[in-house]
PDB file of all heavy atoms in Angstrom:
ATOM      1  N   ARG A   1      79.245 191.661  83.017  1.00  0.00           N
ATOM      2  CA  ARG A   1      79.631 191.349  84.405  1.00  0.00           C
ATOM      3  C   ARG A   1      80.025 189.892  84.601  1.00  0.00           C
ATOM      4  O   ARG A   1      80.748 189.561  85.528  1.00  0.00           O
ATOM      5  CB  ARG A   1      78.469 191.636  85.360  1.00  0.00           C
ATOM      6  CG  ARG A   1      78.344 193.080  85.715  1.00  0.00           C
ATOM      7  CD  ARG A   1      77.266 193.230  86.758  1.00  0.00           C
ATOM      8  NE  ARG A   1      76.313 194.179  86.244  1.00  0.00           N
ATOM      9  CZ  ARG A   1      75.235 194.579  86.863  1.00  0.00           C
ATOM     10  NH1 ARG A   1      74.918 194.089  88.035  1.00  0.00           N
ATOM     11  NH2 ARG A   1      74.436 195.466  86.327  1.00  0.00           N
ATOM     12  N   ALA A   2      79.500 189.020  83.762  1.00  0.00           N
ATOM     13  CA  ALA A   2      79.756 187.589  83.927  1.00  0.00           C
ATOM     14  C   ALA A   2      79.667 186.914  82.562  1.00  0.00           C
ATOM     15  O   ALA A   2      79.128 187.477  81.615  1.00  0.00           O
ATOM     16  CB  ALA A   2      78.739 186.963  84.880  1.00  0.00           C
ATOM     17  N   GLN A   3      80.200 185.689  82.495  1.00  0.00           N
ATOM     18  CA  GLN A   3      79.995 184.896  81.292  1.00  0.00           C
ATOM     19  C   GLN A   3      79.479 183.523  81.693  1.00  0.00           C
ATOM     20  O   GLN A   3      79.771 183.025  82.780  1.00  0.00           O
ATOM     21  CB  GLN A   3      81.238 184.811  80.426  1.00  0.00           C
ATOM     22  CG  GLN A   3      82.464 184.237  81.058  1.00  0.00           C
ATOM     23  CD  GLN A   3      83.621 184.190  80.060  1.00  0.00           C
ATOM     24  OE1 GLN A   3      83.456 183.737  78.925  1.00  0.00           O
ATOM     25  NE2 GLN A   3      84.780 184.643  80.473  1.00  0.00           N
ATOM     26  N   LEU A   4      78.652 182.975  80.811  1.00  0.00           N
ATOM     27  CA  LEU A   4      78.091 181.644  81.011  1.00  0.00           C
ATOM     28  C   LEU A   4      78.690 180.711  79.980  1.00  0.00           C
ATOM     29  O   LEU A   4      78.787 181.052  78.798  1.00  0.00           O
ATOM     30  CB  LEU A   4      76.569 181.665  80.833  1.00  0.00           C
ATOM     31  CG  LEU A   4      75.767 182.545  81.779  1.00  0.00           C
ATOM     32  CD1 LEU A   4      74.285 182.453  81.425  1.00  0.00           C
ATOM     33  CD2 LEU A   4      75.999 182.148  83.220  1.00  0.00           C
ATOM     34  N   TRP A   5      79.089 179.527  80.417  1.00  0.00           N
ATOM     35  CA  TRP A   5      79.591 178.474  79.538  1.00  0.00           C
ATOM     36  C   TRP A   5      78.639 177.293  79.675  1.00  0.00           C
ATOM     37  O   TRP A   5      78.395 176.809  80.780  1.00  0.00           O
ATOM     38  CB  TRP A   5      81.006 178.067  79.934  1.00  0.00           C
ATOM     39  CG  TRP A   5      81.546 176.909  79.151  1.00  0.00           C
ATOM     40  CD1 TRP A   5      81.688 176.838  77.798  1.00  0.00           C
ATOM     41  CD2 TRP A   5      81.999 175.655  79.667  1.00  0.00           C
ATOM     42  NE1 TRP A   5      82.207 175.611  77.446  1.00  0.00           N
ATOM     43  CE2 TRP A   5      82.405 174.869  78.582  1.00  0.00           C
ATOM     44  CE3 TRP A   5      82.103 175.129  80.953  1.00  0.00           C
ATOM     45  CZ2 TRP A   5      82.901 173.577  78.729  1.00  0.00           C
ATOM     46  CZ3 TRP A   5      82.599 173.846  81.101  1.00  0.00           C
ATOM     47  CH2 TRP A   5      82.992 173.085  79.997  1.00  0.00           C
ATOM     48  N   PHE A   6      78.075 176.840  78.551  1.00  0.00           N
ATOM     49  CA  PHE A   6      77.148 175.707  78.533  1.00  0.00           C
ATOM     50  C   PHE A   6      77.998 174.443  78.481  1.00  0.00           C
ATOM     51  O   PHE A   6      78.526 174.073  77.448  1.00  0.00           O
ATOM     52  CB  PHE A   6      76.224 175.847  77.324  1.00  0.00           C
ATOM     53  CG  PHE A   6      75.194 174.760  77.165  1.00  0.00           C
ATOM     54  CD1 PHE A   6      74.975 173.792  78.129  1.00  0.00           C
ATOM     55  CD2 PHE A   6      74.404 174.726  76.029  1.00  0.00           C
ATOM     56  CE1 PHE A   6      74.023 172.799  77.969  1.00  0.00           C
ATOM     57  CE2 PHE A   6      73.442 173.743  75.847  1.00  0.00           C
ATOM     58  CZ  PHE A   6      73.253 172.777  76.816  1.00  0.00           C
ATOM     59  N   ALA A   7      78.159 173.781  79.628  1.00  0.00           N
ATOM     60  CA  ALA A   7      79.029 172.614  79.743  1.00  0.00           C
ATOM     61  C   ALA A   7      78.405 171.397  79.071  1.00  0.00           C
ATOM     62  O   ALA A   7      79.003 170.776  78.201  1.00  0.00           O
ATOM     63  CB  ALA A   7      79.333 172.321  81.207  1.00  0.00           C
ATOM     64  N   PHE A   8      77.200 171.016  79.503  1.00  0.00           N
ATOM     65  CA  PHE A   8      76.516 169.864  78.932  1.00  0.00           C
ATOM     66  C   PHE A   8      75.074 169.858  79.393  1.00  0.00           C
ATOM     67  O   PHE A   8      74.676 170.631  80.249  1.00  0.00           O
ATOM     68  CB  PHE A   8      77.209 168.543  79.324  1.00  0.00           C
ATOM     69  CG  PHE A   8      77.214 168.281  80.806  1.00  0.00           C
ATOM     70  CD1 PHE A   8      76.176 167.582  81.414  1.00  0.00           C
ATOM     71  CD2 PHE A   8      78.252 168.735  81.599  1.00  0.00           C
ATOM     72  CE1 PHE A   8      76.184 167.360  82.784  1.00  0.00           C
ATOM     73  CE2 PHE A   8      78.263 168.509  82.971  1.00  0.00           C
ATOM     74  CZ  PHE A   8      77.224 167.820  83.561  1.00  0.00           C
ATOM     75  N   ALA A   9      74.277 168.941  78.815  1.00  0.00           N
ATOM     76  CA  ALA A   9      72.886 168.792  79.220  1.00  0.00           C
ATOM     77  C   ALA A   9      72.567 167.309  79.329  1.00  0.00           C
ATOM     78  O   ALA A   9      73.136 166.490  78.621  1.00  0.00           O
ATOM     79  CB  ALA A   9      71.944 169.450  78.209  1.00  0.00           C
ATOM     80  N   ASP A  10      71.667 166.982  80.237  1.00  0.00           N
ATOM     81  CA  ASP A  10      71.110 165.636  80.290  1.00  0.00           C
ATOM     82  C   ASP A  10      69.587 165.768  80.304  1.00  0.00           C
ATOM     83  O   ASP A  10      69.065 166.863  80.093  1.00  0.00           O
ATOM     84  CB  ASP A  10      71.657 164.841  81.485  1.00  0.00           C
ATOM     85  CG  ASP A  10      71.340 165.486  82.827  1.00  0.00           C
ATOM     86  OD1 ASP A  10      70.368 166.265  82.923  1.00  0.00           O
ATOM     87  OD2 ASP A  10      72.058 165.202  83.798  1.00  0.00           O
ATOM     88  N   GLU A  11      68.892 164.668  80.572  1.00  0.00           N
ATOM     89  CA  GLU A  11      67.429 164.704  80.461  1.00  0.00           C
ATOM     90  C   GLU A  11      66.785 165.681  81.446  1.00  0.00           C
ATOM     91  O   GLU A  11      65.679 166.156  81.212  1.00  0.00           O
ATOM     92  CB  GLU A  11      66.823 163.306  80.620  1.00  0.00           C
ATOM     93  CG  GLU A  11      67.162 162.589  81.918  1.00  0.00           C
ATOM     94  CD  GLU A  11      68.555 161.965  81.925  1.00  0.00           C
ATOM     95  OE1 GLU A  11      69.128 161.720  80.854  1.00  0.00           O
ATOM     96  OE2 GLU A  11      69.071 161.743  83.029  1.00  0.00           O
ATOM     97  N   SER A  12      67.465 166.019  82.544  1.00  0.00           N
ATOM     98  CA  SER A  12      66.852 166.935  83.514  1.00  0.00           C
ATOM     99  C   SER A  12      67.170 168.402  83.235  1.00  0.00           C
ATOM    100  O   SER A  12      66.550 169.281  83.813  1.00  0.00           O
ATOM    101  CB  SER A  12      67.270 166.566  84.943  1.00  0.00           C
ATOM    102  OG  SER A  12      68.661 166.736  85.105  1.00  0.00           O
ATOM    103  N   GLY A  13      68.131 168.677  82.353  1.00  0.00           N
ATOM    104  CA  GLY A  13      68.418 170.068  82.013  1.00  0.00           C
ATOM    105  C   GLY A  13      69.900 170.330  81.861  1.00  0.00           C
ATOM    106  O   GLY A  13      70.730 169.425  81.978  1.00  0.00           O
ATOM    107  N   PRO A  14      70.262 171.599  81.602  1.00  0.00           N
ATOM    108  CA  PRO A  14      71.648 171.947  81.328  1.00  0.00           C
ATOM    109  C   PRO A  14      72.460 172.202  82.600  1.00  0.00           C
ATOM    110  O   PRO A  14      71.925 172.566  83.646  1.00  0.00           O
ATOM    111  CB  PRO A  14      71.528 173.242  80.523  1.00  0.00           C
ATOM    112  CG  PRO A  14      70.295 173.888  81.083  1.00  0.00           C
ATOM    113  CD  PRO A  14      69.365 172.743  81.412  1.00  0.00           C
ATOM    114  N   THR A  15      73.766 172.023  82.479  1.00  0.00           N
ATOM    115  CA  THR A  15      74.718 172.461  83.492  1.00  0.00           C
ATOM    116  C   THR A  15      75.548 173.562  82.855  1.00  0.00           C
ATOM    117  O   THR A  15      76.098 173.379  81.768  1.00  0.00           O
ATOM    118  CB  THR A  15      75.622 171.309  83.954  1.00  0.00           C
ATOM    119  OG1 THR A  15      74.814 170.335  84.624  1.00  0.00           O
ATOM    120  CG2 THR A  15      76.703 171.804  84.908  1.00  0.00           C
ATOM    121  N   VAL A  16      75.591 174.720  83.512  1.00  0.00           N
ATOM    122  CA  VAL A  16      76.363 175.848  83.006  1.00  0.00           C
ATOM    123  C   VAL A  16      77.381 176.263  84.059  1.00  0.00           C
ATOM    124  O   VAL A  16      77.164 176.077  85.259  1.00  0.00           O
ATOM    125  CB  VAL A  16      75.472 177.053  82.620  1.00  0.00           C
ATOM    126  CG1 VAL A  16      74.539 176.697  81.485  1.00  0.00           C
ATOM    127  CG2 VAL A  16      74.700 177.582  83.807  1.00  0.00           C
ATOM    128  N   GLU A  17      78.487 176.806  83.581  1.00  0.00           N
ATOM    129  CA  GLU A  17      79.461 177.398  84.479  1.00  0.00           C
ATOM    130  C   GLU A  17      79.321 178.905  84.344  1.00  0.00           C
ATOM    131  O   GLU A  17      79.256 179.426  83.231  1.00  0.00           O
ATOM    132  CB  GLU A  17      80.884 176.982  84.116  1.00  0.00           C
ATOM    133  CG  GLU A  17      81.917 177.600  85.049  1.00  0.00           C
ATOM    134  CD  GLU A  17      83.354 177.342  84.616  1.00  0.00           C
ATOM    135  OE1 GLU A  17      83.585 177.114  83.412  1.00  0.00           O
ATOM    136  OE2 GLU A  17      84.228 177.385  85.477  1.00  0.00           O
ATOM    137  N   ILE A  18      79.268 179.598  85.473  1.00  0.00           N
ATOM    138  CA  ILE A  18      79.248 181.052  85.450  1.00  0.00           C
ATOM    139  C   ILE A  18      80.601 181.537  85.974  1.00  0.00           C
ATOM    140  O   ILE A  18      81.118 181.010  86.955  1.00  0.00           O
ATOM    141  CB  ILE A  18      78.063 181.601  86.277  1.00  0.00           C
ATOM    142  CG1 ILE A  18      78.022 183.113  86.216  1.00  0.00           C
ATOM    143  CG2 ILE A  18      78.078 181.110  87.699  1.00  0.00           C
ATOM    144  CD1 ILE A  18      76.731 183.707  86.702  1.00  0.00           C
ATOM    145  N   VAL A  19      81.200 182.482  85.252  1.00  0.00           N
ATOM    146  CA  VAL A  19      82.502 183.030  85.617  1.00  0.00           C
ATOM    147  C   VAL A  19      82.327 184.538  85.789  1.00  0.00           C
ATOM    148  O   VAL A  19      81.728 185.193  84.939  1.00  0.00           O
ATOM    149  CB  VAL A  19      83.556 182.745  84.520  1.00  0.00           C
ATOM    150  CG1 VAL A  19      84.910 183.341  84.902  1.00  0.00           C
ATOM    151  CG2 VAL A  19      83.683 181.246  84.274  1.00  0.00           C
ATOM    152  N   TRP A  20      82.849 185.073  86.897  1.00  0.00           N
ATOM    153  CA  TRP A  20      82.714 186.504  87.166  1.00  0.00           C
ATOM    154  C   TRP A  20      83.885 186.973  88.009  1.00  0.00           C
ATOM    155  O   TRP A  20      84.606 186.175  88.593  1.00  0.00           O
ATOM    156  CB  TRP A  20      81.374 186.795  87.847  1.00  0.00           C
ATOM    157  CG  TRP A  20      81.318 186.395  89.305  1.00  0.00           C
ATOM    158  CD1 TRP A  20      81.460 187.221  90.386  1.00  0.00           C
ATOM    159  CD2 TRP A  20      81.111 185.089  89.848  1.00  0.00           C
ATOM    160  NE1 TRP A  20      81.367 186.509  91.551  1.00  0.00           N
ATOM    161  CE2 TRP A  20      81.151 185.187  91.247  1.00  0.00           C
ATOM    162  CE3 TRP A  20      80.917 183.828  89.287  1.00  0.00           C
ATOM    163  CZ2 TRP A  20      80.997 184.103  92.096  1.00  0.00           C
ATOM    164  CZ3 TRP A  20      80.764 182.745  90.127  1.00  0.00           C
ATOM    165  CH2 TRP A  20      80.791 182.878  91.505  1.00  0.00           C
ATOM    166  N   ASP A  21      84.073 188.285  88.081  1.00  0.00           N
ATOM    167  CA  ASP A  21      85.048 188.922  88.984  1.00  0.00           C
ATOM    168  C   ASP A  21      86.405 188.225  89.017  1.00  0.00           C
ATOM    169  O   ASP A  21      86.745 187.561  89.998  1.00  0.00           O
ATOM    170  CB  ASP A  21      84.492 188.994  90.406  1.00  0.00           C
ATOM    171  CG  ASP A  21      83.423 190.042  90.574  1.00  0.00           C
ATOM    172  OD1 ASP A  21      83.264 190.871  89.657  1.00  0.00           O
ATOM    173  OD2 ASP A  21      82.746 190.034  91.601  1.00  0.00           O
ATOM    174  N   LYS A  22      87.179 188.379  87.969  1.00  0.00           N
ATOM    175  CA  LYS A  22      88.567 187.898  87.958  1.00  0.00           C
ATOM    176  C   LYS A  22      88.705 186.416  88.301  1.00  0.00           C
ATOM    177  O   LYS A  22      89.493 186.026  89.154  1.00  0.00           O
ATOM    178  CB  LYS A  22      89.417 188.723  88.907  1.00  0.00           C
ATOM    179  CG  LYS A  22      89.471 190.197  88.539  1.00  0.00           C
ATOM    180  CD  LYS A  22      90.393 190.949  89.478  1.00  0.00           C
ATOM    181  CE  LYS A  22      90.425 192.419  89.144  1.00  0.00           C
ATOM    182  NZ  LYS A  22      89.353 193.187  89.730  1.00  0.00           N
ATOM    183  N   GLY A  23      87.879 185.594  87.692  1.00  0.00           N
ATOM    184  CA  GLY A  23      88.112 184.156  87.795  1.00  0.00           C
ATOM    185  C   GLY A  23      87.299 183.392  88.817  1.00  0.00           C
ATOM    186  O   GLY A  23      87.490 182.195  88.973  1.00  0.00           O
ATOM    187  N   ASN A  24      86.397 184.050  89.549  1.00  0.00           N
ATOM    188  CA  ASN A  24      85.475 183.281  90.389  1.00  0.00           C
ATOM    189  C   ASN A  24      84.585 182.459  89.471  1.00  0.00           C
ATOM    190  O   ASN A  24      84.190 182.915  88.407  1.00  0.00           O
ATOM    191  CB  ASN A  24      84.596 184.199  91.247  1.00  0.00           C
ATOM    192  CG  ASN A  24      85.378 184.885  92.339  1.00  0.00           C
ATOM    193  OD1 ASN A  24      86.197 184.273  93.008  1.00  0.00           O
ATOM    194  ND2 ASN A  24      85.141 186.164  92.506  1.00  0.00           N
ATOM    195  N   ASN A  25      84.262 181.233  89.882  1.00  0.00           N
ATOM    196  CA  ASN A  25      83.391 180.428  89.035  1.00  0.00           C
ATOM    197  C   ASN A  25      82.518 179.506  89.871  1.00  0.00           C
ATOM    198  O   ASN A  25      82.824 179.219  91.030  1.00  0.00           O
ATOM    199  CB  ASN A  25      84.187 179.629  88.006  1.00  0.00           C
ATOM    200  CG  ASN A  25      84.954 178.495  88.645  1.00  0.00           C
ATOM    201  OD1 ASN A  25      85.672 178.694  89.620  1.00  0.00           O
ATOM    202  ND2 ASN A  25      84.792 177.304  88.107  1.00  0.00           N
ATOM    203  N   GLN A  26      81.420 179.088  89.272  1.00  0.00           N
ATOM    204  CA  GLN A  26      80.469 178.187  89.926  1.00  0.00           C
ATOM    205  C   GLN A  26      79.756 177.397  88.836  1.00  0.00           C
ATOM    206  O   GLN A  26      79.334 177.964  87.831  1.00  0.00           O
ATOM    207  CB  GLN A  26      79.451 179.005  90.733  1.00  0.00           C
ATOM    208  CG  GLN A  26      78.367 178.177  91.394  1.00  0.00           C
ATOM    209  CD  GLN A  26      77.291 179.039  92.062  1.00  0.00           C
ATOM    210  OE1 GLN A  26      77.246 180.249  91.918  1.00  0.00           O
ATOM    211  NE2 GLN A  26      76.404 178.390  92.788  1.00  0.00           N
ATOM    212  N   PHE A  27      79.641 176.070  89.041  1.00  0.00           N
ATOM    213  CA  PHE A  27      78.829 175.252  88.132  1.00  0.00           C
ATOM    214  C   PHE A  27      77.411 175.204  88.676  1.00  0.00           C
ATOM    215  O   PHE A  27      77.210 175.036  89.883  1.00  0.00           O
ATOM    216  CB  PHE A  27      79.402 173.836  88.002  1.00  0.00           C
ATOM    217  CG  PHE A  27      80.569 173.767  87.068  1.00  0.00           C
ATOM    218  CD1 PHE A  27      81.855 173.968  87.529  1.00  0.00           C
ATOM    219  CD2 PHE A  27      80.374 173.526  85.709  1.00  0.00           C
ATOM    220  CE1 PHE A  27      82.947 173.915  86.661  1.00  0.00           C
ATOM    221  CE2 PHE A  27      81.459 173.476  84.840  1.00  0.00           C
ATOM    222  CZ  PHE A  27      82.741 173.670  85.319  1.00  0.00           C
ATOM    223  N   VAL A  28      76.428 175.375  87.792  1.00  0.00           N
ATOM    224  CA  VAL A  28      75.030 175.441  88.180  1.00  0.00           C
ATOM    225  C   VAL A  28      74.236 174.461  87.326  1.00  0.00           C
ATOM    226  O   VAL A  28      74.313 174.491  86.099  1.00  0.00           O
ATOM    227  CB  VAL A  28      74.466 176.873  87.990  1.00  0.00           C
ATOM    228  CG1 VAL A  28      73.001 176.935  88.352  1.00  0.00           C
ATOM    229  CG2 VAL A  28      75.269 177.879  88.808  1.00  0.00           C
ATOM    230  N   LYS A  29      73.463 173.600  87.977  1.00  0.00           N
ATOM    231  CA  LYS A  29      72.562 172.670  87.286  1.00  0.00           C
ATOM    232  C   LYS A  29      71.181 173.306  87.256  1.00  0.00           C
ATOM    233  O   LYS A  29      70.639 173.684  88.294  1.00  0.00           O
ATOM    234  CB  LYS A  29      72.526 171.336  88.065  1.00  0.00           C
ATOM    235  CG  LYS A  29      71.530 170.350  87.541  1.00  0.00           C
ATOM    236  CD  LYS A  29      72.007 169.761  86.249  1.00  0.00           C
ATOM    237  CE  LYS A  29      71.058 168.666  85.821  1.00  0.00           C
ATOM    238  NZ  LYS A  29      71.264 168.323  84.430  1.00  0.00           N
ATOM    239  N   LEU A  30      70.620 173.453  86.065  1.00  0.00           N
ATOM    240  CA  LEU A  30      69.278 174.036  85.920  1.00  0.00           C
ATOM    241  C   LEU A  30      68.298 172.922  85.595  1.00  0.00           C
ATOM    242  O   LEU A  30      68.500 172.166  84.653  1.00  0.00           O
ATOM    243  CB  LEU A  30      69.281 175.086  84.803  1.00  0.00           C
ATOM    244  CG  LEU A  30      70.230 176.270  85.021  1.00  0.00           C
ATOM    245  CD1 LEU A  30      70.224 177.178  83.811  1.00  0.00           C
ATOM    246  CD2 LEU A  30      69.870 177.034  86.279  1.00  0.00           C
ATOM    247  N   GLU A  31      67.246 172.820  86.400  1.00  0.00           N
ATOM    248  CA  GLU A  31      66.245 171.778  86.189  1.00  0.00           C
ATOM    249  C   GLU A  31      64.868 172.415  86.090  1.00  0.00           C
ATOM    250  O   GLU A  31      64.499 173.241  86.925  1.00  0.00           O
ATOM    251  CB  GLU A  31      66.274 170.769  87.338  1.00  0.00           C
ATOM    252  CG  GLU A  31      67.608 170.056  87.452  1.00  0.00           C
ATOM    253  CD  GLU A  31      67.595 168.966  88.505  1.00  0.00           C
ATOM    254  OE1 GLU A  31      66.827 168.007  88.348  1.00  0.00           O
ATOM    255  OE2 GLU A  31      68.342 169.088  89.482  1.00  0.00           O
ATOM    256  N   GLY A  32      64.125 172.009  85.066  1.00  0.00           N
ATOM    257  CA  GLY A  32      62.772 172.533  84.886  1.00  0.00           C
ATOM    258  C   GLY A  32      62.779 174.049  84.829  1.00  0.00           C
ATOM    259  O   GLY A  32      63.642 174.650  84.202  1.00  0.00           O
ATOM    260  N   GLU A  33      61.815 174.673  85.513  1.00  0.00           N
ATOM    261  CA  GLU A  33      61.739 176.131  85.527  1.00  0.00           C
ATOM    262  C   GLU A  33      62.163 176.690  86.872  1.00  0.00           C
ATOM    263  O   GLU A  33      61.834 177.818  87.225  1.00  0.00           O
ATOM    264  CB  GLU A  33      60.318 176.574  85.179  1.00  0.00           C
ATOM    265  CG  GLU A  33      59.926 176.198  83.762  1.00  0.00           C
ATOM    266  CD  GLU A  33      58.495 176.596  83.418  1.00  0.00           C
ATOM    267  OE1 GLU A  33      57.820 177.196  84.272  1.00  0.00           O
ATOM    268  OE2 GLU A  33      58.062 176.307  82.295  1.00  0.00           O
ATOM    269  N   GLU A  34      62.930 175.889  87.633  1.00  0.00           N
ATOM    270  CA  GLU A  34      63.388 176.321  88.949  1.00  0.00           C
ATOM    271  C   GLU A  34      64.486 177.375  88.793  1.00  0.00           C
ATOM    272  O   GLU A  34      65.448 177.182  88.057  1.00  0.00           O
ATOM    273  CB  GLU A  34      63.940 175.102  89.691  1.00  0.00           C
ATOM    274  CG  GLU A  34      64.407 175.381  91.091  1.00  0.00           C
ATOM    275  CD  GLU A  34      64.939 174.113  91.753  1.00  0.00           C
ATOM    276  OE1 GLU A  34      64.443 173.013  91.440  1.00  0.00           O
ATOM    277  OE2 GLU A  34      65.860 174.239  92.576  1.00  0.00           O
ATOM    278  N   SER A  35      64.350 178.508  89.498  1.00  0.00           N
ATOM    279  CA  SER A  35      65.361 179.562  89.468  1.00  0.00           C
ATOM    280  C   SER A  35      66.476 179.232  90.449  1.00  0.00           C
ATOM    281  O   SER A  35      66.222 178.726  91.538  1.00  0.00           O
ATOM    282  CB  SER A  35      64.748 180.914  89.837  1.00  0.00           C
ATOM    283  OG  SER A  35      63.824 181.308  88.852  1.00  0.00           O
ATOM    284  N   VAL A  36      67.719 179.523  90.044  1.00  0.00           N
ATOM    285  CA  VAL A  36      68.868 179.265  90.895  1.00  0.00           C
ATOM    286  C   VAL A  36      69.594 180.590  91.129  1.00  0.00           C
ATOM    287  O   VAL A  36      70.018 181.247  90.180  1.00  0.00           O
ATOM    288  CB  VAL A  36      69.833 178.252  90.237  1.00  0.00           C
ATOM    289  CG1 VAL A  36      71.076 178.056  91.107  1.00  0.00           C
ATOM    290  CG2 VAL A  36      69.138 176.932  89.984  1.00  0.00           C
ATOM    291  N   GLU A  37      69.700 180.983  92.395  1.00  0.00           N
ATOM    292  CA  GLU A  37      70.487 182.163  92.743  1.00  0.00           C
ATOM    293  C   GLU A  37      71.941 181.740  92.833  1.00  0.00           C
ATOM    294  O   GLU A  37      72.270 180.814  93.567  1.00  0.00           O
ATOM    295  CB  GLU A  37      70.024 182.745  94.077  1.00  0.00           C
ATOM    296  CG  GLU A  37      68.680 183.435  94.000  1.00  0.00           C
ATOM    297  CD  GLU A  37      68.321 184.139  95.304  1.00  0.00           C
ATOM    298  OE1 GLU A  37      69.236 184.557  96.041  1.00  0.00           O
ATOM    299  OE2 GLU A  37      67.125 184.246  95.567  1.00  0.00           O
ATOM    300  N   THR A  38      72.822 182.408  92.090  1.00  0.00           N
ATOM    301  CA  THR A  38      74.223 182.016  92.060  1.00  0.00           C
ATOM    302  C   THR A  38      75.052 182.904  92.986  1.00  0.00           C
ATOM    303  O   THR A  38      74.616 183.986  93.381  1.00  0.00           O
ATOM    304  CB  THR A  38      74.787 182.095  90.628  1.00  0.00           C
ATOM    305  OG1 THR A  38      74.882 183.475  90.249  1.00  0.00           O
ATOM    306  CG2 THR A  38      73.909 181.338  89.642  1.00  0.00           C
TER     307      THR A  38
END
């Protein structure tokens, strides 16, 4: 349904791009164990 691209990481965690549904995309910063609803 979607693909994740691991863009980069810094000391607080990774930034990933999620791509879904014919080219919709969103960059998401993940920090610690916090869940992010995309």
